[in-house]
Each structure stands twice: as structure tokens, then as C-alpha cells.
Amino acid sequence: MFNAIERELLRNNINIEERKVLKLKEYWDLLLLHQRALHLFSRKDPNKELARQFYDIILLNVFLPEYEELIDAGSGAGFAGVILAILNEQRDYTLVERSEKRGNFLELVAVKLNLNNVRIFKGSIEIFESDADVVVSKASCMRKLLEKRLINLVKVGGILVHFTAVPLPSPYKNFPFFNPFREKEAYLSVVERVI
């Protein structure tokens, strides 16, 4: 299935350096290895779920404006933060994860993949402080509960990005995208912090 992602990326003129592809594959393998013990993602069809997640984040990487620091809020398996850190070694990433077990997994990934641009915060997003350029949340269950908290982690002029199945109301700007490993169109719902 990993090869299918590579084919789709090439078909869409998204090229990734070979050494970064190898790191992405190593991350994929770590996810599959630790899935049973940690329940990092959906168990129905692990390879298809990983394909969906990886493709989403690689598209996000193409979409994002220039930034120095990104927060992956509710990181879970680290899909957003780890993939972006592999693709952008010159940028800084903080993965915020409340689960000790998943936080430990993220630390393992950072060490195994030699991701010197990644910091793991094991604890609740409610006590995390930041002034980042971008905050990303793939955890849709967090949106309503933590929306006000997440925007406060973004500096003025920065953006908060949610992955959503339906467009969000104003002041969000919604950008539809198609992932060949998903059945339906999805959206990057983006809001800029203005004050």
C-alpha cells in the first residue's frame, strides 16, 4: 500500500526526496509494529488507514504557507507532526499528546527516525502554552471542545487548521481536497488568529 501512495503522489506531481521516502516508510513500519499494543489508528484495514493518513498530511504539507513552528494538537500516532517533520527538517514541531503510552511511542519514533526538529509534550492541551505559526488538529472530536484553546496557541497572524468531513462555518475558510484513499471529499478548514 505504501507504493500506492508513491504512485499517487507522482501522478499529482508531488515529488519527495528518496531519503525522506525511506523515513516515511520506516515510520509506517513502526506504526504497524506498535498498532496492536497501542491502538494508534483504526483496526479495520490498517494499511488503507495509514494510506489515508499519510496522503492527507503530504497534501497538507503542499498547502501550508511558510512557517517556522507547528503544533500537532492531540497528536495521537503523530500523523501530522511526524510526517511534516520528516518532510521539513528545517522547521520545528511540537507533538502534544495526553496519553503517556502514545507519548512514549512518539518519543521512540523521534529517536528511531533521528527527528531533531521534534519535541514531545506529554500532557493535556489545556495546560500547554505556545505561540506557534500553525496549529493542526486531525482529531475532529477535539474541535468543539478545544477550539477556543487551540486558537490561543497560535500567534497573531498564524493559522489553526482542522481536517473536517464537512465545511465549517465562518470565520473558517474551507479548502476541499480529494484523497484517493478516502471515499469522500474532505476539507482543510482554516482560521487565522487576528487578535
Protein backbone atom coordinates (compact mmCIF):
# COMPACT_ATOMS: atom_id res chain seq x y z
CA MET A 1 0.00 0.00 0.00
CA PHE A 2 2.91 2.38 0.67
CA ASN A 3 3.88 2.03 -3.01
CA ALA A 4 0.35 3.09 -3.97
CA ILE A 5 0.89 6.40 -2.14
CA GLU A 6 4.13 6.96 -4.01
CA ARG A 7 2.35 6.35 -7.33
CA GLU A 8 -0.47 8.77 -6.46
CA LEU A 9 1.98 11.46 -5.39
CA LEU A 10 3.94 11.14 -8.62
CA ARG A 11 0.72 11.20 -10.61
CA ASN A 12 -0.06 14.54 -8.91
CA ASN A 13 3.47 15.93 -9.46
CA ILE A 14 4.37 15.78 -5.75
CA ASN A 15 7.97 14.67 -5.51
CA ILE A 16 9.66 13.67 -2.26
CA GLU A 17 13.39 13.04 -1.89
CA GLU A 18 14.26 9.33 -1.71
CA ARG A 19 15.83 9.57 1.77
CA LYS A 20 12.62 11.17 3.07
CA VAL A 21 10.53 8.45 1.42
CA LEU A 22 12.66 5.88 3.27
CA LYS A 23 12.00 7.65 6.59
CA LEU A 24 8.27 7.77 5.85
CA LYS A 25 8.36 4.03 5.15
CA GLU A 26 10.23 3.42 8.41
CA TYR A 27 7.56 5.41 10.29
CA TRP A 28 4.84 3.36 8.51
CA ASP A 29 6.53 0.17 9.70
CA LEU A 30 6.82 1.46 13.29
CA LEU A 31 3.10 2.27 13.28
CA LEU A 32 2.19 -1.24 12.13
CA LEU A 33 4.58 -2.80 14.64
CA HIS A 34 3.10 -0.93 17.62
CA GLN A 35 -0.55 -0.84 16.49
CA ARG A 36 -1.71 -3.92 18.38
CA ALA A 37 -0.35 -2.75 21.75
CA LEU A 38 -1.22 0.95 21.47
CA HIS A 39 -4.29 1.15 19.16
CA LEU A 40 -2.76 4.04 17.25
CA PHE A 41 -5.34 4.10 14.44
CA SER A 42 -8.36 2.25 13.06
CA ARG A 43 -8.01 -1.53 13.12
CA LYS A 44 -10.37 -2.31 10.21
CA ASP A 45 -7.84 -2.08 7.40
CA PRO A 46 -4.51 -0.86 8.82
CA ASN A 47 -2.73 -0.31 5.51
CA LYS A 48 -5.65 1.58 3.98
CA GLU A 49 -5.98 3.75 7.09
CA LEU A 50 -2.26 4.56 7.01
CA ALA A 51 -2.51 5.41 3.31
CA ARG A 52 -5.37 7.83 4.08
CA GLN A 53 -3.48 9.49 6.91
CA PHE A 54 -0.14 9.77 5.10
CA TYR A 55 -1.72 11.18 1.94
CA ASP A 56 -3.73 13.74 3.95
CA ILE A 57 -0.61 15.08 5.62
CA ILE A 58 1.51 15.12 2.48
CA LEU A 59 -1.24 17.21 0.84
CA LEU A 60 -1.29 19.45 3.93
CA ASN A 61 2.44 19.97 3.51
CA VAL A 62 1.86 21.27 -0.02
CA PHE A 63 -0.98 23.51 1.19
CA LEU A 64 0.62 25.21 4.21
CA PRO A 65 2.17 28.68 3.86
CA GLU A 66 5.72 29.33 5.11
CA TYR A 67 6.10 28.77 8.86
CA GLU A 68 8.76 28.14 11.46
CA GLU A 69 6.87 26.25 14.16
CA LEU A 70 3.87 23.91 14.01
CA ILE A 71 1.93 22.31 16.86
CA ASP A 72 0.24 18.94 16.31
CA ALA A 73 -2.59 19.17 18.84
CA GLY A 74 -3.83 15.81 20.12
CA SER A 75 -1.08 14.12 18.16
CA GLY A 76 -2.10 10.50 18.83
CA ALA A 77 0.03 8.41 16.48
CA GLY A 78 1.81 11.56 15.30
CA PHE A 79 0.48 11.56 11.76
CA ALA A 80 0.62 15.32 11.23
CA GLY A 81 3.71 16.17 13.26
CA VAL A 82 5.94 13.24 12.37
CA ILE A 83 5.22 13.27 8.63
CA LEU A 84 5.68 17.04 8.41
CA ALA A 85 8.91 16.83 10.45
CA ILE A 86 10.28 14.25 8.03
CA LEU A 87 9.38 16.41 5.04
CA ASN A 88 10.63 19.70 6.55
CA GLU A 89 13.79 19.20 8.55
CA GLN A 90 14.40 22.96 8.91
CA ARG A 91 11.10 23.60 10.76
CA ASP A 92 10.17 22.92 14.38
CA TYR A 93 7.35 20.64 15.51
CA THR A 94 5.76 20.05 18.88
CA LEU A 95 3.53 17.00 19.24
CA VAL A 96 1.08 17.39 22.12
CA GLU A 97 -0.31 14.08 23.39
CA ARG A 98 -2.06 13.45 26.70
CA SER A 99 -1.66 9.64 26.65
CA GLU A 100 1.57 8.56 28.33
CA LYS A 101 1.76 5.41 26.18
CA ARG A 102 1.29 7.28 22.92
CA GLY A 103 3.67 10.00 24.09
CA ASN A 104 6.28 7.31 24.74
CA PHE A 105 5.66 5.91 21.26
CA LEU A 106 6.18 9.39 19.76
CA GLU A 107 9.47 9.72 21.65
CA LEU A 108 10.55 6.35 20.28
CA VAL A 109 9.67 7.44 16.74
CA ALA A 110 11.60 10.71 17.11
CA VAL A 111 14.69 8.80 18.29
CA LYS A 112 14.47 5.97 15.72
CA LEU A 113 13.97 8.41 12.83
CA ASN A 114 16.51 10.91 14.19
CA LEU A 115 13.96 13.74 14.14
CA ASN A 116 15.90 16.51 15.85
CA ASN A 117 13.22 19.04 14.94
CA VAL A 118 10.53 17.30 17.05
CA ARG A 119 9.60 17.94 20.66
CA ILE A 120 7.03 15.81 22.51
CA PHE A 121 4.79 17.33 25.16
CA LYS A 122 3.12 14.58 27.19
CA GLY A 123 0.15 16.20 28.85
CA SER A 124 -3.14 17.93 28.28
CA ILE A 125 -3.51 20.59 25.60
CA GLU A 126 -5.31 22.67 28.24
CA ILE A 127 -2.02 23.30 30.08
CA PHE A 128 0.23 23.58 27.05
CA GLU A 129 1.49 27.05 26.13
CA SER A 130 2.65 28.11 22.68
CA ASP A 131 3.00 30.95 20.23
CA ALA A 132 3.21 28.89 17.04
CA ASP A 133 2.71 29.87 13.42
CA VAL A 134 0.42 26.88 12.76
CA VAL A 135 -1.65 24.55 14.92
CA VAL A 136 -3.06 21.42 13.27
CA SER A 137 -5.77 19.17 14.64
CA LYS A 138 -6.70 15.92 12.93
CA ALA A 139 -8.78 14.85 15.93
CA SER A 140 -12.25 16.00 14.91
CA CYS A 141 -13.63 15.09 18.32
CA MET A 142 -11.45 17.86 19.79
CA ARG A 143 -12.75 20.65 17.58
CA LYS A 144 -15.74 21.91 19.56
CA LEU A 145 -14.29 21.16 22.96
CA LEU A 146 -10.90 22.76 22.39
CA GLU A 147 -11.40 25.22 19.55
CA LYS A 148 -11.04 28.28 21.77
CA ARG A 149 -7.99 26.78 23.46
CA LEU A 150 -6.30 25.83 20.19
CA ILE A 151 -6.59 29.29 18.62
CA ASN A 152 -4.79 30.70 21.66
CA LEU A 153 -1.77 28.52 20.83
CA VAL A 154 -1.41 30.35 17.52
CA LYS A 155 0.36 33.69 17.32
CA VAL A 156 -1.47 36.64 15.78
CA GLY A 157 -1.34 36.15 12.01
CA GLY A 158 -0.92 32.39 12.42
CA ILE A 159 -3.47 29.76 11.46
CA LEU A 160 -5.42 26.91 13.02
CA VAL A 161 -6.13 24.01 10.65
CA HIS A 162 -8.74 21.31 11.20
CA PHE A 163 -9.29 18.29 8.97
CA THR A 164 -13.06 18.02 8.54
CA ALA A 165 -15.63 15.96 6.67
CA VAL A 166 -17.88 18.99 6.09
CA PRO A 167 -17.10 22.71 5.71
CA LEU A 168 -17.01 24.70 8.95
CA PRO A 169 -18.93 27.99 9.32
CA SER A 170 -17.36 31.44 9.06
CA PRO A 171 -14.80 32.67 10.05
CA TYR A 172 -13.30 29.42 8.72
CA LYS A 173 -12.15 29.21 5.14
CA ASN A 174 -12.72 25.72 3.77
CA PHE A 175 -10.47 24.12 1.20
CA PRO A 176 -11.83 20.90 -0.32
CA PHE A 177 -9.38 18.19 -1.24
CA PHE A 178 -9.57 14.73 -2.67
CA ASN A 179 -7.61 11.86 -1.22
CA PRO A 180 -7.70 8.76 -3.46
CA PHE A 181 -7.63 6.59 -0.33
CA ARG A 182 -10.86 8.12 1.04
CA GLU A 183 -14.37 7.56 -0.21
CA LYS A 184 -15.46 11.21 0.07
CA GLU A 185 -14.06 14.67 -0.40
CA ALA A 186 -12.64 16.21 2.79
CA TYR A 187 -11.76 19.75 3.86
CA LEU A 188 -8.95 21.69 5.38
CA SER A 189 -10.84 24.21 7.49
CA VAL A 190 -8.58 27.14 8.32
CA VAL A 191 -8.99 30.14 10.59
CA GLU A 192 -6.45 32.90 11.09
CA ARG A 193 -5.85 34.41 14.53
CA VAL A 194 -6.46 38.14 14.14
CA ILE A 195 -6.26 39.29 17.80
